[in-house]
């Protein structure tokens, strides 16, 4: 029995959705902004984060 472990493989998950994604923090500020949100709503990540 070998004591070495095989390296963990990371799964590649292709984006299957074109949904806009926004993350709102506990203070109500925008903490995350997807490229799809930019495409749909027109604001860049730099313009919207923290608002």
PDB file of N, CA and C in Angstrom:
ATOM      1  N   UNK A   1       0.843  -1.188   0.000  1.00  0.00           N
ATOM      2  CA  UNK A   1       0.000   0.000   0.000  1.00  0.00           C
ATOM      3  C   UNK A   1       0.883   1.244   0.000  1.00  0.00           C
ATOM      4  N   UNK A   2       0.600   2.145  -0.877  1.00  0.00           N
ATOM      5  CA  UNK A   2       1.398   3.359  -1.008  1.00  0.00           C
ATOM      6  C   UNK A   2       0.874   4.434  -0.074  1.00  0.00           C
ATOM      7  N   UNK A   3       1.789   5.202   0.506  1.00  0.00           N
ATOM      8  CA  UNK A   3       1.374   6.299   1.391  1.00  0.00           C
ATOM      9  C   UNK A   3       1.270   7.620   0.662  1.00  0.00           C
ATOM     10  N   UNK A   4       1.714   7.666  -0.603  1.00  0.00           N
ATOM     11  CA  UNK A   4       1.610   8.923  -1.352  1.00  0.00           C
ATOM     12  C   UNK A   4       0.200   9.072  -1.912  1.00  0.00           C
ATOM     13  N   UNK A   5      -0.194  10.276  -2.063  1.00  0.00           N
ATOM     14  CA  UNK A   5      -1.528  10.563  -2.596  1.00  0.00           C
ATOM     15  C   UNK A   5      -1.406  11.173  -3.978  1.00  0.00           C
ATOM     16  N   UNK A   6      -2.344  10.848  -4.815  1.00  0.00           N
ATOM     17  CA  UNK A   6      -2.395  11.450  -6.147  1.00  0.00           C
ATOM     18  C   UNK A   6      -2.767  12.912  -6.000  1.00  0.00           C
ATOM     19  N   UNK A   7      -2.234  13.780  -6.872  1.00  0.00           N
ATOM     20  CA  UNK A   7      -2.609  15.204  -6.787  1.00  0.00           C
ATOM     21  C   UNK A   7      -4.100  15.379  -7.038  1.00  0.00           C
ATOM     22  N   UNK A   8      -4.669  16.351  -6.353  1.00  0.00           N
ATOM     23  CA  UNK A   8      -6.090  16.644  -6.539  1.00  0.00           C
ATOM     24  C   UNK A   8      -6.309  17.265  -7.908  1.00  0.00           C
ATOM     25  N   UNK A   9      -7.369  16.885  -8.536  1.00  0.00           N
ATOM     26  CA  UNK A   9      -7.725  17.456  -9.835  1.00  0.00           C
ATOM     27  C   UNK A   9      -8.789  18.516  -9.644  1.00  0.00           C
ATOM     28  N   UNK A  10      -8.618  19.609 -10.325  1.00  0.00           N
ATOM     29  CA  UNK A  10      -9.646  20.635 -10.307  1.00  0.00           C
ATOM     30  C   UNK A  10     -10.544  20.448 -11.496  1.00  0.00           C
ATOM     31  N   UNK A  11     -11.813  20.507 -11.254  1.00  0.00           N
ATOM     32  CA  UNK A  11     -12.770  20.384 -12.338  1.00  0.00           C
ATOM     33  C   UNK A  11     -12.929  21.717 -13.039  1.00  0.00           C
ATOM     34  N   UNK A  12     -12.979  21.669 -14.332  1.00  0.00           N
ATOM     35  CA  UNK A  12     -13.259  22.878 -15.107  1.00  0.00           C
ATOM     36  C   UNK A  12     -14.761  22.944 -15.319  1.00  0.00           C
ATOM     37  N   UNK A  13     -15.369  23.992 -14.847  1.00  0.00           N
ATOM     38  CA  UNK A  13     -16.806  24.169 -14.999  1.00  0.00           C
ATOM     39  C   UNK A  13     -17.065  25.289 -15.991  1.00  0.00           C
ATOM     40  N   UNK A  14     -17.465  24.938 -17.186  1.00  0.00           N
ATOM     41  CA  UNK A  14     -17.753  25.990 -18.165  1.00  0.00           C
ATOM     42  C   UNK A  14     -18.980  26.791 -17.744  1.00  0.00           C
ATOM     43  N   UNK A  15     -18.977  28.041 -18.114  1.00  0.00           N
ATOM     44  CA  UNK A  15     -20.142  28.884 -17.820  1.00  0.00           C
ATOM     45  C   UNK A  15     -21.248  28.523 -18.781  1.00  0.00           C
ATOM     46  N   UNK A  16     -22.325  28.059 -18.233  1.00  0.00           N
ATOM     47  CA  UNK A  16     -23.449  27.631 -19.052  1.00  0.00           C
ATOM     48  C   UNK A  16     -24.587  28.634 -19.021  1.00  0.00           C
ATOM     49  N   UNK A  17     -24.408  29.698 -18.274  1.00  0.00           N
ATOM     50  CA  UNK A  17     -25.467  30.670 -18.111  1.00  0.00           C
ATOM     51  C   UNK A  17     -24.962  32.059 -18.464  1.00  0.00           C
ATOM     52  N   UNK A  18     -25.822  32.844 -19.030  1.00  0.00           N
ATOM     53  CA  UNK A  18     -25.476  34.230 -19.345  1.00  0.00           C
ATOM     54  C   UNK A  18     -26.143  35.174 -18.352  1.00  0.00           C
ATOM     55  N   UNK A  19     -26.516  34.661 -17.178  1.00  0.00           N
ATOM     56  CA  UNK A  19     -27.179  35.480 -16.167  1.00  0.00           C
ATOM     57  C   UNK A  19     -26.214  36.490 -15.560  1.00  0.00           C
ATOM     58  N   UNK A  20     -26.719  37.669 -15.307  1.00  0.00           N
ATOM     59  CA  UNK A  20     -25.940  38.677 -14.595  1.00  0.00           C
ATOM     60  C   UNK A  20     -25.884  38.267 -13.122  1.00  0.00           C
ATOM     61  N   UNK A  21     -24.699  38.364 -12.528  1.00  0.00           N
ATOM     62  CA  UNK A  21     -24.539  38.011 -11.120  1.00  0.00           C
ATOM     63  C   UNK A  21     -23.995  39.202 -10.358  1.00  0.00           C
ATOM     64  N   UNK A  22     -24.671  39.505  -9.237  1.00  0.00           N
ATOM     65  CA  UNK A  22     -24.253  40.580  -8.355  1.00  0.00           C
ATOM     66  C   UNK A  22     -24.199  40.021  -6.950  1.00  0.00           C
ATOM     67  N   UNK A  23     -23.195  40.432  -6.180  1.00  0.00           N
ATOM     68  CA  UNK A  23     -23.074  40.018  -4.790  1.00  0.00           C
ATOM     69  C   UNK A  23     -23.253  41.260  -3.935  1.00  0.00           C
ATOM     70  N   UNK A  24     -24.189  41.171  -2.996  1.00  0.00           N
ATOM     71  CA  UNK A  24     -24.466  42.282  -2.085  1.00  0.00           C
ATOM     72  C   UNK A  24     -23.976  41.886  -0.701  1.00  0.00           C
ATOM     73  N   UNK A  25     -23.168  42.739  -0.063  1.00  0.00           N
ATOM     74  CA  UNK A  25     -22.659  42.401   1.267  1.00  0.00           C
ATOM     75  C   UNK A  25     -23.685  42.724   2.348  1.00  0.00           C
ATOM     76  N   UNK A  26     -23.311  42.443   3.583  1.00  0.00           N
ATOM     77  CA  UNK A  26     -24.234  42.623   4.721  1.00  0.00           C
ATOM     78  C   UNK A  26     -24.614  44.080   4.950  1.00  0.00           C
ATOM     79  N   UNK A  27     -23.901  45.010   4.335  1.00  0.00           N
ATOM     80  CA  UNK A  27     -24.204  46.430   4.483  1.00  0.00           C
ATOM     81  C   UNK A  27     -25.031  46.976   3.322  1.00  0.00           C
ATOM     82  N   UNK A  28     -25.348  46.101   2.368  1.00  0.00           N
ATOM     83  CA  UNK A  28     -26.138  46.518   1.213  1.00  0.00           C
ATOM     84  C   UNK A  28     -25.309  47.084   0.070  1.00  0.00           C
ATOM     85  N   UNK A  29     -23.994  46.980   0.167  1.00  0.00           N
ATOM     86  CA  UNK A  29     -23.103  47.464  -0.900  1.00  0.00           C
ATOM     87  C   UNK A  29     -22.817  46.344  -1.888  1.00  0.00           C
ATOM     88  N   UNK A  30     -22.586  46.691  -3.126  1.00  0.00           N
ATOM     89  CA  UNK A  30     -22.274  45.709  -4.154  1.00  0.00           C
ATOM     90  C   UNK A  30     -20.821  45.268  -3.969  1.00  0.00           C
ATOM     91  N   UNK A  31     -20.630  43.958  -3.745  1.00  0.00           N
ATOM     92  CA  UNK A  31     -19.307  43.407  -3.479  1.00  0.00           C
ATOM     93  C   UNK A  31     -18.810  42.526  -4.622  1.00  0.00           C
ATOM     94  N   UNK A  32     -19.673  42.209  -5.560  1.00  0.00           N
ATOM     95  CA  UNK A  32     -19.288  41.376  -6.691  1.00  0.00           C
ATOM     96  C   UNK A  32     -20.102  41.730  -7.909  1.00  0.00           C
ATOM     97  N   UNK A  33     -19.514  41.599  -9.079  1.00  0.00           N
ATOM     98  CA  UNK A  33     -20.147  42.042 -10.329  1.00  0.00           C
ATOM     99  C   UNK A  33     -19.600  41.205 -11.467  1.00  0.00           C
ATOM    100  N   UNK A  34     -20.454  40.468 -12.145  1.00  0.00           N
ATOM    101  CA  UNK A  34     -19.996  39.595 -13.225  1.00  0.00           C
ATOM    102  C   UNK A  34     -19.885  40.337 -14.555  1.00  0.00           C
ATOM    103  N   UNK A  35     -19.157  39.727 -15.464  1.00  0.00           N
ATOM    104  CA  UNK A  35     -19.059  40.292 -16.815  1.00  0.00           C
ATOM    105  C   UNK A  35     -20.428  40.372 -17.475  1.00  0.00           C
ATOM    106  N   UNK A  36     -21.295  39.411 -17.176  1.00  0.00           N
ATOM    107  CA  UNK A  36     -22.646  39.414 -17.738  1.00  0.00           C
ATOM    108  C   UNK A  36     -23.464  40.592 -17.214  1.00  0.00           C
ATOM    109  N   UNK A  37     -23.259  40.957 -15.939  1.00  0.00           N
ATOM    110  CA  UNK A  37     -23.932  42.131 -15.380  1.00  0.00           C
ATOM    111  C   UNK A  37     -23.488  43.391 -16.122  1.00  0.00           C
ATOM    112  N   UNK A  38     -22.210  43.461 -16.437  1.00  0.00           N
ATOM    113  CA  UNK A  38     -21.689  44.592 -17.215  1.00  0.00           C
ATOM    114  C   UNK A  38     -22.357  44.636 -18.584  1.00  0.00           C
ATOM    115  N   UNK A  39     -22.420  43.483 -19.253  1.00  0.00           N
ATOM    116  CA  UNK A  39     -23.037  43.421 -20.583  1.00  0.00           C
ATOM    117  C   UNK A  39     -24.507  43.835 -20.540  1.00  0.00           C
ATOM    118  N   UNK A  40     -25.219  43.371 -19.525  1.00  0.00           N
ATOM    119  CA  UNK A  40     -26.657  43.628 -19.429  1.00  0.00           C
ATOM    120  C   UNK A  40     -26.970  45.046 -18.949  1.00  0.00           C
ATOM    121  N   UNK A  41     -26.228  45.521 -17.950  1.00  0.00           N
ATOM    122  CA  UNK A  41     -26.573  46.782 -17.295  1.00  0.00           C
ATOM    123  C   UNK A  41     -25.658  47.949 -17.656  1.00  0.00           C
ATOM    124  N   UNK A  42     -24.486  47.655 -18.229  1.00  0.00           N
ATOM    125  CA  UNK A  42     -23.632  48.713 -18.741  1.00  0.00           C
ATOM    126  C   UNK A  42     -22.616  49.289 -17.777  1.00  0.00           C
ATOM    127  N   UNK A  43     -22.671  48.939 -16.506  1.00  0.00           N
ATOM    128  CA  UNK A  43     -21.703  49.460 -15.538  1.00  0.00           C
ATOM    129  C   UNK A  43     -20.501  48.536 -15.487  1.00  0.00           C
ATOM    130  N   UNK A  44     -19.302  49.102 -15.448  1.00  0.00           N
ATOM    131  CA  UNK A  44     -18.113  48.274 -15.279  1.00  0.00           C
ATOM    132  C   UNK A  44     -17.983  47.887 -13.811  1.00  0.00           C
ATOM    133  N   UNK A  45     -17.159  46.893 -13.555  1.00  0.00           N
ATOM    134  CA  UNK A  45     -16.917  46.429 -12.181  1.00  0.00           C
ATOM    135  C   UNK A  45     -16.374  47.583 -11.329  1.00  0.00           C
ATOM    136  N   UNK A  46     -15.444  48.352 -11.882  1.00  0.00           N
ATOM    137  CA  UNK A  46     -14.858  49.469 -11.125  1.00  0.00           C
ATOM    138  C   UNK A  46     -15.896  50.549 -10.805  1.00  0.00           C
ATOM    139  N   UNK A  47     -16.841  50.756 -11.709  1.00  0.00           N
ATOM    140  CA  UNK A  47     -17.870  51.777 -11.479  1.00  0.00           C
ATOM    141  C   UNK A  47     -18.865  51.372 -10.399  1.00  0.00           C
ATOM    142  N   UNK A  48     -19.133  50.091 -10.246  1.00  0.00           N
ATOM    143  CA  UNK A  48     -20.250  49.655  -9.416  1.00  0.00           C
ATOM    144  C   UNK A  48     -19.857  49.120  -8.043  1.00  0.00           C
ATOM    145  N   UNK A  49     -18.648  48.537  -7.917  1.00  0.00           N
ATOM    146  CA  UNK A  49     -18.285  47.946  -6.624  1.00  0.00           C
ATOM    147  C   UNK A  49     -18.274  48.990  -5.515  1.00  0.00           C
ATOM    148  N   UNK A  50     -18.870  48.629  -4.394  1.00  0.00           N
ATOM    149  CA  UNK A  50     -18.923  49.517  -3.232  1.00  0.00           C
ATOM    150  C   UNK A  50     -20.130  50.427  -3.193  1.00  0.00           C
ATOM    151  N   UNK A  51     -20.932  50.443  -4.209  1.00  0.00           N
ATOM    152  CA  UNK A  51     -22.118  51.305  -4.218  1.00  0.00           C
ATOM    153  C   UNK A  51     -23.283  50.646  -3.543  1.00  0.00           C
TER     154      UNK A  51
END
